[in-house]
């Protein structure tokens, strides 16, 4: 499984590569916004990428709009609970802008929003336990992710990557039955912005439909609230009913759809943004 390259410099973090065929401005540093945009667009031109995707504070929005970017999602209070976050896109290939499964995406969203009106607390099935994962779990987590995902935008199938990110900014969680990890997720923490991405949800095919993702999400929310995070969000596969319903039922609000944004399981998929104030 191949992954894209991450460049971190002076507070700015950019991911790019052929797997996702895009430049992703993951974090905007304190430098000049115009210069960062020029760098991102130069990367896209050099490699022939079809999309630029950026996650930025409201205060930087004007610079993106002036260069032809469009808002695909908004997360209120994304930065420190005070400043809204905008997810911008620029399509260098017009075909990338149009999802082939638009009807499915629309139905998934409508279903999730309807189910979200009947939100209820999740109950962990008997015989299962939720716990934080440690470095000793990296091999088992990587094996689970490799089983579930044919491709993924980050190298979560690599135990070394999991151990490394455990030491920096990601907390991993697992659902365990009889000592075996059967489902997992992670909380990717932005301490500067006091927000957290609830991500990397995976359940072994033999244990799907048991509500394990809901239980993992509830455990992560409790921990992230204690850690001082103000806003939780996710970027979920827009054509998948279970994960969108999970977040809607947990009280998350819909922020927008990122079209043909991410390479997961061997193809580009649109992604829905959901958010919640902790």
C-alpha atoms as a PDB file:
ATOM      1  CA  UNK A   1       0.000   0.000   0.000  1.00  0.00           C
ATOM      2  CA  UNK A   2       1.450   3.403  -0.969  1.00  0.00           C
ATOM      3  CA  UNK A   3       0.924   6.723   0.794  1.00  0.00           C
ATOM      4  CA  UNK A   4       1.434  10.397   0.068  1.00  0.00           C
ATOM      5  CA  UNK A   5       4.217  12.657   1.321  1.00  0.00           C
ATOM      6  CA  UNK A   6       3.848  14.992   4.305  1.00  0.00           C
ATOM      7  CA  UNK A   7       5.842  18.238   4.436  1.00  0.00           C
ATOM      8  CA  UNK A   8       5.972  20.093   7.774  1.00  0.00           C
ATOM      9  CA  UNK A   9       7.692  23.473   7.857  1.00  0.00           C
ATOM     10  CA  UNK A  10       7.352  26.479  10.182  1.00  0.00           C
ATOM     11  CA  UNK A  11       3.941  25.423  11.443  1.00  0.00           C
ATOM     12  CA  UNK A  12       2.503  24.603   8.022  1.00  0.00           C
ATOM     13  CA  UNK A  13       1.711  20.966   7.199  1.00  0.00           C
ATOM     14  CA  UNK A  14       1.058  19.861   3.594  1.00  0.00           C
ATOM     15  CA  UNK A  15       0.314  16.371   2.307  1.00  0.00           C
ATOM     16  CA  UNK A  16       0.633  15.604  -1.394  1.00  0.00           C
ATOM     17  CA  UNK A  17       1.092  12.684  -3.734  1.00  0.00           C
ATOM     18  CA  UNK A  18      -0.330  10.542  -6.528  1.00  0.00           C
ATOM     19  CA  UNK A  19      -2.346   8.247  -4.240  1.00  0.00           C
ATOM     20  CA  UNK A  20      -4.899  10.985  -3.471  1.00  0.00           C
ATOM     21  CA  UNK A  21      -3.953  13.006  -6.581  1.00  0.00           C
ATOM     22  CA  UNK A  22      -4.108  16.226  -4.597  1.00  0.00           C
ATOM     23  CA  UNK A  23      -2.356  18.754  -2.397  1.00  0.00           C
ATOM     24  CA  UNK A  24      -3.838  18.854   1.103  1.00  0.00           C
ATOM     25  CA  UNK A  25      -3.037  21.896   3.233  1.00  0.00           C
ATOM     26  CA  UNK A  26      -3.614  20.212   6.584  1.00  0.00           C
ATOM     27  CA  UNK A  27      -2.463  23.061   8.809  1.00  0.00           C
ATOM     28  CA  UNK A  28      -1.778  26.683   7.976  1.00  0.00           C
ATOM     29  CA  UNK A  29       1.205  28.097   9.831  1.00  0.00           C
ATOM     30  CA  UNK A  30       1.691  31.673  11.018  1.00  0.00           C
ATOM     31  CA  UNK A  31       3.485  32.776   7.815  1.00  0.00           C
ATOM     32  CA  UNK A  32       2.129  34.700   4.862  1.00  0.00           C
ATOM     33  CA  UNK A  33      -0.993  32.971   3.540  1.00  0.00           C
ATOM     34  CA  UNK A  34      -0.372  34.102  -0.039  1.00  0.00           C
ATOM     35  CA  UNK A  35       3.084  32.491  -0.025  1.00  0.00           C
ATOM     36  CA  UNK A  36       1.689  29.207   1.312  1.00  0.00           C
ATOM     37  CA  UNK A  37      -0.967  29.180  -1.399  1.00  0.00           C
ATOM     38  CA  UNK A  38       1.647  29.791  -4.076  1.00  0.00           C
ATOM     39  CA  UNK A  39       3.655  26.839  -2.723  1.00  0.00           C
ATOM     40  CA  UNK A  40       0.620  24.555  -2.740  1.00  0.00           C
ATOM     41  CA  UNK A  41      -0.370  25.528  -6.261  1.00  0.00           C
ATOM     42  CA  UNK A  42       3.191  25.128  -7.516  1.00  0.00           C
ATOM     43  CA  UNK A  43       3.217  21.572  -6.120  1.00  0.00           C
ATOM     44  CA  UNK A  44      -0.076  20.823  -7.855  1.00  0.00           C
ATOM     45  CA  UNK A  45       1.167  22.155 -11.190  1.00  0.00           C
ATOM     46  CA  UNK A  46       4.506  20.349 -10.919  1.00  0.00           C
ATOM     47  CA  UNK A  47       2.901  16.959 -10.307  1.00  0.00           C
ATOM     48  CA  UNK A  48      -0.283  17.424 -12.317  1.00  0.00           C
ATOM     49  CA  UNK A  49      -2.636  16.913  -9.366  1.00  0.00           C
ATOM     50  CA  UNK A  50      -6.355  17.396  -9.959  1.00  0.00           C
ATOM     51  CA  UNK A  51      -7.363  18.920  -6.603  1.00  0.00           C
ATOM     52  CA  UNK A  52      -6.100  21.227  -3.863  1.00  0.00           C
ATOM     53  CA  UNK A  53      -7.812  20.847  -0.502  1.00  0.00           C
ATOM     54  CA  UNK A  54      -7.227  23.165   2.468  1.00  0.00           C
ATOM     55  CA  UNK A  55      -8.344  23.381   6.105  1.00  0.00           C
ATOM     56  CA  UNK A  56      -7.995  26.991   7.268  1.00  0.00           C
ATOM     57  CA  UNK A  57      -9.296  29.534   9.811  1.00  0.00           C
ATOM     58  CA  UNK A  58     -11.958  32.072   8.836  1.00  0.00           C
ATOM     59  CA  UNK A  59      -9.385  34.865   9.078  1.00  0.00           C
ATOM     60  CA  UNK A  60      -7.544  33.392   6.055  1.00  0.00           C
ATOM     61  CA  UNK A  61     -10.650  32.869   3.937  1.00  0.00           C
ATOM     62  CA  UNK A  62     -10.371  35.973   1.777  1.00  0.00           C
ATOM     63  CA  UNK A  63      -7.020  34.910   0.343  1.00  0.00           C
ATOM     64  CA  UNK A  64      -8.494  31.573  -0.741  1.00  0.00           C
ATOM     65  CA  UNK A  65     -11.620  33.075  -2.280  1.00  0.00           C
ATOM     66  CA  UNK A  66      -9.525  35.556  -4.253  1.00  0.00           C
ATOM     67  CA  UNK A  67      -7.618  32.653  -5.835  1.00  0.00           C
ATOM     68  CA  UNK A  68     -10.751  30.809  -6.927  1.00  0.00           C
ATOM     69  CA  UNK A  69     -11.212  28.330  -4.085  1.00  0.00           C
ATOM     70  CA  UNK A  70     -14.719  27.249  -3.065  1.00  0.00           C
ATOM     71  CA  UNK A  71     -16.017  26.332   0.381  1.00  0.00           C
ATOM     72  CA  UNK A  72     -16.940  22.654   0.683  1.00  0.00           C
ATOM     73  CA  UNK A  73     -17.510  22.527   4.449  1.00  0.00           C
ATOM     74  CA  UNK A  74     -17.603  24.764   7.521  1.00  0.00           C
ATOM     75  CA  UNK A  75     -16.977  23.816  11.168  1.00  0.00           C
ATOM     76  CA  UNK A  76     -18.114  26.525  13.620  1.00  0.00           C
ATOM     77  CA  UNK A  77     -15.677  27.184  16.457  1.00  0.00           C
ATOM     78  CA  UNK A  78     -13.085  24.885  14.936  1.00  0.00           C
ATOM     79  CA  UNK A  79     -10.110  26.854  16.220  1.00  0.00           C
ATOM     80  CA  UNK A  80     -10.002  27.168  20.028  1.00  0.00           C
ATOM     81  CA  UNK A  81     -13.777  27.072  20.156  1.00  0.00           C
ATOM     82  CA  UNK A  82     -13.877  30.648  18.847  1.00  0.00           C
ATOM     83  CA  UNK A  83     -12.886  30.881  15.179  1.00  0.00           C
ATOM     84  CA  UNK A  84     -14.712  28.969  12.462  1.00  0.00           C
ATOM     85  CA  UNK A  85     -12.823  26.551  10.244  1.00  0.00           C
ATOM     86  CA  UNK A  86     -13.292  26.457   6.467  1.00  0.00           C
ATOM     87  CA  UNK A  87     -12.513  23.540   4.181  1.00  0.00           C
ATOM     88  CA  UNK A  88     -11.694  24.907   0.752  1.00  0.00           C
ATOM     89  CA  UNK A  89     -11.211  23.159  -2.573  1.00  0.00           C
ATOM     90  CA  UNK A  90      -9.820  24.084  -5.951  1.00  0.00           C
ATOM     91  CA  UNK A  91     -10.345  21.673  -8.847  1.00  0.00           C
ATOM     92  CA  UNK A  92      -7.609  21.686 -11.445  1.00  0.00           C
ATOM     93  CA  UNK A  93      -9.464  18.989 -13.394  1.00  0.00           C
ATOM     94  CA  UNK A  94     -13.220  19.728 -13.695  1.00  0.00           C
ATOM     95  CA  UNK A  95     -14.050  16.003 -13.802  1.00  0.00           C
ATOM     96  CA  UNK A  96     -12.730  15.583 -10.259  1.00  0.00           C
ATOM     97  CA  UNK A  97     -15.457  17.944  -9.061  1.00  0.00           C
ATOM     98  CA  UNK A  98     -18.376  15.671 -10.032  1.00  0.00           C
ATOM     99  CA  UNK A  99     -19.019  12.556  -7.893  1.00  0.00           C
ATOM    100  CA  UNK A 100     -20.294   9.566  -9.856  1.00  0.00           C
ATOM    101  CA  UNK A 101     -22.333   8.418  -6.843  1.00  0.00           C
ATOM    102  CA  UNK A 102     -24.089  11.710  -6.080  1.00  0.00           C
ATOM    103  CA  UNK A 103     -27.481  10.015  -5.644  1.00  0.00           C
ATOM    104  CA  UNK A 104     -26.088   7.581  -3.076  1.00  0.00           C
ATOM    105  CA  UNK A 105     -24.341  10.389  -1.195  1.00  0.00           C
ATOM    106  CA  UNK A 106     -27.594  12.345  -1.047  1.00  0.00           C
ATOM    107  CA  UNK A 107     -29.526   9.348   0.273  1.00  0.00           C
ATOM    108  CA  UNK A 108     -26.871   8.514   2.883  1.00  0.00           C
ATOM    109  CA  UNK A 109     -27.000  12.058   4.214  1.00  0.00           C
ATOM    110  CA  UNK A 110     -30.805  12.159   4.311  1.00  0.00           C
ATOM    111  CA  UNK A 111     -30.890   8.812   6.115  1.00  0.00           C
ATOM    112  CA  UNK A 112     -28.239   9.860   8.638  1.00  0.00           C
ATOM    113  CA  UNK A 113     -29.985  13.144   9.409  1.00  0.00           C
ATOM    114  CA  UNK A 114     -33.287  11.333   9.907  1.00  0.00           C
ATOM    115  CA  UNK A 115     -31.720   8.710  12.177  1.00  0.00           C
ATOM    116  CA  UNK A 116     -29.917  11.453  14.083  1.00  0.00           C
ATOM    117  CA  UNK A 117     -33.247  12.819  15.274  1.00  0.00           C
ATOM    118  CA  UNK A 118     -33.611   9.640  17.342  1.00  0.00           C
ATOM    119  CA  UNK A 119     -30.176   9.870  18.960  1.00  0.00           C
ATOM    120  CA  UNK A 120     -29.615   7.391  21.728  1.00  0.00           C
ATOM    121  CA  UNK A 121     -26.722   6.327  23.973  1.00  0.00           C
ATOM    122  CA  UNK A 122     -24.736   3.376  22.716  1.00  0.00           C
ATOM    123  CA  UNK A 123     -24.551   0.113  24.651  1.00  0.00           C
ATOM    124  CA  UNK A 124     -21.427  -2.012  24.344  1.00  0.00           C
ATOM    125  CA  UNK A 125     -22.331  -5.642  23.606  1.00  0.00           C
ATOM    126  CA  UNK A 126     -21.608  -8.171  26.395  1.00  0.00           C
ATOM    127  CA  UNK A 127     -18.114  -9.621  26.249  1.00  0.00           C
ATOM    128  CA  UNK A 128     -16.529  -6.530  24.656  1.00  0.00           C
ATOM    129  CA  UNK A 129     -14.398  -3.795  26.230  1.00  0.00           C
ATOM    130  CA  UNK A 130     -13.147  -0.405  25.012  1.00  0.00           C
ATOM    131  CA  UNK A 131      -9.665   0.749  25.991  1.00  0.00           C
ATOM    132  CA  UNK A 132      -6.889   3.070  24.831  1.00  0.00           C
ATOM    133  CA  UNK A 133      -4.261   1.357  22.696  1.00  0.00           C
ATOM    134  CA  UNK A 134      -0.567   1.388  23.544  1.00  0.00           C
ATOM    135  CA  UNK A 135       2.647   0.776  21.574  1.00  0.00           C
ATOM    136  CA  UNK A 136       2.319  -2.935  22.272  1.00  0.00           C
ATOM    137  CA  UNK A 137      -0.905  -2.915  20.216  1.00  0.00           C
ATOM    138  CA  UNK A 138       0.640  -1.387  17.094  1.00  0.00           C
ATOM    139  CA  UNK A 139       1.090  -4.684  15.251  1.00  0.00           C
ATOM    140  CA  UNK A 140      -2.500  -5.777  15.879  1.00  0.00           C
ATOM    141  CA  UNK A 141      -3.876  -2.349  14.901  1.00  0.00           C
ATOM    142  CA  UNK A 142      -1.854  -2.318  11.677  1.00  0.00           C
ATOM    143  CA  UNK A 143      -3.087  -5.818  10.818  1.00  0.00           C
ATOM    144  CA  UNK A 144      -6.710  -4.779  11.384  1.00  0.00           C
ATOM    145  CA  UNK A 145      -6.347  -1.669   9.221  1.00  0.00           C
ATOM    146  CA  UNK A 146      -4.628  -3.648   6.482  1.00  0.00           C
ATOM    147  CA  UNK A 147      -7.521  -6.121   6.553  1.00  0.00           C
ATOM    148  CA  UNK A 148     -10.223  -3.450   6.345  1.00  0.00           C
ATOM    149  CA  UNK A 149      -8.713  -0.921   3.896  1.00  0.00           C
ATOM    150  CA  UNK A 150      -7.273  -1.701   0.471  1.00  0.00           C
ATOM    151  CA  UNK A 151      -5.871   1.842   0.324  1.00  0.00           C
ATOM    152  CA  UNK A 152      -5.843   4.664   2.871  1.00  0.00           C
ATOM    153  CA  UNK A 153      -4.553   8.254   2.789  1.00  0.00           C
ATOM    154  CA  UNK A 154      -2.191   7.692   5.740  1.00  0.00           C
ATOM    155  CA  UNK A 155       0.059   4.659   6.472  1.00  0.00           C
ATOM    156  CA  UNK A 156      -1.994   3.194   9.314  1.00  0.00           C
ATOM    157  CA  UNK A 157      -1.112  -0.314   8.119  1.00  0.00           C
ATOM    158  CA  UNK A 158       2.491   0.393   9.270  1.00  0.00           C
ATOM    159  CA  UNK A 159       3.140  -0.416  12.983  1.00  0.00           C
ATOM    160  CA  UNK A 160       6.035   2.054  12.975  1.00  0.00           C
ATOM    161  CA  UNK A 161       3.752   4.888  11.883  1.00  0.00           C
ATOM    162  CA  UNK A 162       1.234   3.994  14.586  1.00  0.00           C
ATOM    163  CA  UNK A 163       3.900   3.937  17.316  1.00  0.00           C
ATOM    164  CA  UNK A 164       5.404   7.209  16.083  1.00  0.00           C
ATOM    165  CA  UNK A 165       2.092   9.074  15.987  1.00  0.00           C
ATOM    166  CA  UNK A 166       1.159   7.705  19.417  1.00  0.00           C
ATOM    167  CA  UNK A 167       4.126   9.651  20.740  1.00  0.00           C
ATOM    168  CA  UNK A 168       3.150  12.902  19.035  1.00  0.00           C
ATOM    169  CA  UNK A 169      -0.513  13.737  18.417  1.00  0.00           C
ATOM    170  CA  UNK A 170      -2.739  10.686  17.937  1.00  0.00           C
ATOM    171  CA  UNK A 171      -4.468   8.545  20.563  1.00  0.00           C
ATOM    172  CA  UNK A 172      -5.629   5.158  19.345  1.00  0.00           C
ATOM    173  CA  UNK A 173      -8.525   3.218  20.830  1.00  0.00           C
ATOM    174  CA  UNK A 174      -9.637  -0.364  20.434  1.00  0.00           C
ATOM    175  CA  UNK A 175     -12.592  -2.633  21.050  1.00  0.00           C
ATOM    176  CA  UNK A 176     -11.445  -5.947  22.468  1.00  0.00           C
ATOM    177  CA  UNK A 177     -13.117  -9.353  22.736  1.00  0.00           C
ATOM    178  CA  UNK A 178     -11.343 -12.228  24.464  1.00  0.00           C
ATOM    179  CA  UNK A 179      -8.069 -10.324  24.263  1.00  0.00           C
ATOM    180  CA  UNK A 180      -8.322  -9.717  20.506  1.00  0.00           C
ATOM    181  CA  UNK A 181      -8.619  -6.261  18.916  1.00  0.00           C
ATOM    182  CA  UNK A 182     -11.713  -6.404  16.688  1.00  0.00           C
ATOM    183  CA  UNK A 183     -12.343  -2.684  16.072  1.00  0.00           C
ATOM    184  CA  UNK A 184     -10.304   0.502  16.344  1.00  0.00           C
ATOM    185  CA  UNK A 185     -10.356   4.260  15.948  1.00  0.00           C
ATOM    186  CA  UNK A 186      -8.155   7.228  16.670  1.00  0.00           C
ATOM    187  CA  UNK A 187      -8.308  10.787  17.954  1.00  0.00           C
ATOM    188  CA  UNK A 188      -5.974  13.108  16.035  1.00  0.00           C
ATOM    189  CA  UNK A 189      -5.332  16.046  18.343  1.00  0.00           C
ATOM    190  CA  UNK A 190      -4.571  19.629  17.317  1.00  0.00           C
ATOM    191  CA  UNK A 191      -3.430  21.122  20.617  1.00  0.00           C
ATOM    192  CA  UNK A 192      -2.890  24.593  19.160  1.00  0.00           C
ATOM    193  CA  UNK A 193      -6.430  24.726  17.758  1.00  0.00           C
ATOM    194  CA  UNK A 194      -7.978  22.687  20.593  1.00  0.00           C
ATOM    195  CA  UNK A 195      -9.831  20.485  18.134  1.00  0.00           C
ATOM    196  CA  UNK A 196      -9.711  16.774  17.459  1.00  0.00           C
ATOM    197  CA  UNK A 197     -10.475  14.623  14.433  1.00  0.00           C
ATOM    198  CA  UNK A 198     -12.294  11.394  15.270  1.00  0.00           C
ATOM    199  CA  UNK A 199     -10.962   9.119  12.583  1.00  0.00           C
ATOM    200  CA  UNK A 200      -9.520   5.778  11.450  1.00  0.00           C
ATOM    201  CA  UNK A 201     -12.638   3.785  12.376  1.00  0.00           C
ATOM    202  CA  UNK A 202     -12.307   0.146  11.365  1.00  0.00           C
ATOM    203  CA  UNK A 203     -14.192  -2.971  12.407  1.00  0.00           C
ATOM    204  CA  UNK A 204     -13.210  -6.494  11.484  1.00  0.00           C
ATOM    205  CA  UNK A 205     -15.809  -7.879   9.030  1.00  0.00           C
ATOM    206  CA  UNK A 206     -16.847 -10.572  11.543  1.00  0.00           C
ATOM    207  CA  UNK A 207     -17.898  -7.966  14.123  1.00  0.00           C
ATOM    208  CA  UNK A 208     -19.744  -5.347  12.091  1.00  0.00           C
ATOM    209  CA  UNK A 209     -23.244  -4.234  13.032  1.00  0.00           C
ATOM    210  CA  UNK A 210     -22.610  -4.462  16.782  1.00  0.00           C
ATOM    211  CA  UNK A 211     -22.292  -0.750  17.505  1.00  0.00           C
ATOM    212  CA  UNK A 212     -18.560  -0.907  18.238  1.00  0.00           C
ATOM    213  CA  UNK A 213     -17.830   2.352  16.379  1.00  0.00           C
ATOM    214  CA  UNK A 214     -20.438   4.153  18.478  1.00  0.00           C
ATOM    215  CA  UNK A 215     -18.864   2.821  21.658  1.00  0.00           C
ATOM    216  CA  UNK A 216     -15.386   3.843  20.512  1.00  0.00           C
ATOM    217  CA  UNK A 217     -16.650   7.327  19.643  1.00  0.00           C
ATOM    218  CA  UNK A 218     -18.261   7.786  23.063  1.00  0.00           C
ATOM    219  CA  UNK A 219     -15.044   6.765  24.833  1.00  0.00           C
ATOM    220  CA  UNK A 220     -12.978   9.144  22.713  1.00  0.00           C
ATOM    221  CA  UNK A 221     -15.354  12.046  23.371  1.00  0.00           C
ATOM    222  CA  UNK A 222     -15.008  11.595  27.128  1.00  0.00           C
ATOM    223  CA  UNK A 223     -11.217  11.544  26.921  1.00  0.00           C
ATOM    224  CA  UNK A 224     -10.997  14.480  24.528  1.00  0.00           C
ATOM    225  CA  UNK A 225     -13.251  16.596  26.703  1.00  0.00           C
ATOM    226  CA  UNK A 226     -10.948  15.858  29.648  1.00  0.00           C
ATOM    227  CA  UNK A 227      -7.968  16.775  27.435  1.00  0.00           C
ATOM    228  CA  UNK A 228      -9.373  20.265  26.867  1.00  0.00           C
ATOM    229  CA  UNK A 229     -10.518  19.913  23.264  1.00  0.00           C
ATOM    230  CA  UNK A 230     -13.364  22.258  22.315  1.00  0.00           C
ATOM    231  CA  UNK A 231     -14.491  20.784  19.008  1.00  0.00           C
ATOM    232  CA  UNK A 232     -14.612  17.228  17.671  1.00  0.00           C
ATOM    233  CA  UNK A 233     -15.095  16.501  13.983  1.00  0.00           C
ATOM    234  CA  UNK A 234     -14.770  13.736  11.448  1.00  0.00           C
ATOM    235  CA  UNK A 235     -14.267  13.411   7.716  1.00  0.00           C
ATOM    236  CA  UNK A 236     -16.402  10.335   6.935  1.00  0.00           C
ATOM    237  CA  UNK A 237     -16.920   8.358   3.736  1.00  0.00           C
ATOM    238  CA  UNK A 238     -19.982  10.024   2.239  1.00  0.00           C
ATOM    239  CA  UNK A 239     -21.400   6.938   0.525  1.00  0.00           C
ATOM    240  CA  UNK A 240     -21.264   4.724   3.638  1.00  0.00           C
ATOM    241  CA  UNK A 241     -24.458   4.548   5.686  1.00  0.00           C
ATOM    242  CA  UNK A 242     -23.101   3.133   9.001  1.00  0.00           C
ATOM    243  CA  UNK A 243     -20.402   5.710   9.775  1.00  0.00           C
ATOM    244  CA  UNK A 244     -22.582   8.716   8.862  1.00  0.00           C
ATOM    245  CA  UNK A 245     -25.458   7.359  10.940  1.00  0.00           C
ATOM    246  CA  UNK A 246     -23.053   6.753  13.844  1.00  0.00           C
ATOM    247  CA  UNK A 247     -22.033  10.415  13.964  1.00  0.00           C
ATOM    248  CA  UNK A 248     -25.541  11.770  13.413  1.00  0.00           C
ATOM    249  CA  UNK A 249     -26.872   9.632  16.261  1.00  0.00           C
ATOM    250  CA  UNK A 250     -24.027  10.836  18.484  1.00  0.00           C
ATOM    251  CA  UNK A 251     -25.245  14.419  18.105  1.00  0.00           C
ATOM    252  CA  UNK A 252     -22.837  15.634  15.427  1.00  0.00           C
ATOM    253  CA  UNK A 253     -23.970  18.254  12.916  1.00  0.00           C
ATOM    254  CA  UNK A 254     -23.364  18.113   9.183  1.00  0.00           C
ATOM    255  CA  UNK A 255     -20.788  20.598   7.884  1.00  0.00           C
ATOM    256  CA  UNK A 256     -20.527  19.811   4.171  1.00  0.00           C
ATOM    257  CA  UNK A 257     -19.320  17.306   1.572  1.00  0.00           C
ATOM    258  CA  UNK A 258     -15.784  17.128   0.177  1.00  0.00           C
ATOM    259  CA  UNK A 259     -16.183  15.840  -3.372  1.00  0.00           C
ATOM    260  CA  UNK A 260     -13.963  13.039  -4.679  1.00  0.00           C
ATOM    261  CA  UNK A 261     -11.559  13.910  -1.921  1.00  0.00           C
ATOM    262  CA  UNK A 262      -9.820  10.798  -0.636  1.00  0.00           C
ATOM    263  CA  UNK A 263      -8.492   7.498  -1.948  1.00  0.00           C
ATOM    264  CA  UNK A 264      -9.926   4.770   0.285  1.00  0.00           C
ATOM    265  CA  UNK A 265     -10.271   1.094  -0.637  1.00  0.00           C
ATOM    266  CA  UNK A 266      -8.852   1.637  -4.102  1.00  0.00           C
ATOM    267  CA  UNK A 267     -10.955   4.549  -5.402  1.00  0.00           C
ATOM    268  CA  UNK A 268     -11.668   8.234  -4.850  1.00  0.00           C
ATOM    269  CA  UNK A 269     -14.515   8.837  -2.426  1.00  0.00           C
ATOM    270  CA  UNK A 270     -16.392  11.946  -1.366  1.00  0.00           C
ATOM    271  CA  UNK A 271     -16.296  12.674   2.346  1.00  0.00           C
ATOM    272  CA  UNK A 272     -18.844  14.187   4.729  1.00  0.00           C
ATOM    273  CA  UNK A 273     -17.753  16.530   7.496  1.00  0.00           C
ATOM    274  CA  UNK A 274     -19.543  16.194  10.864  1.00  0.00           C
ATOM    275  CA  UNK A 275     -18.751  18.265  13.958  1.00  0.00           C
ATOM    276  CA  UNK A 276     -19.715  18.592  17.621  1.00  0.00           C
ATOM    277  CA  UNK A 277     -18.925  21.003  20.429  1.00  0.00           C
ATOM    278  CA  UNK A 278     -17.483  19.040  23.357  1.00  0.00           C
END
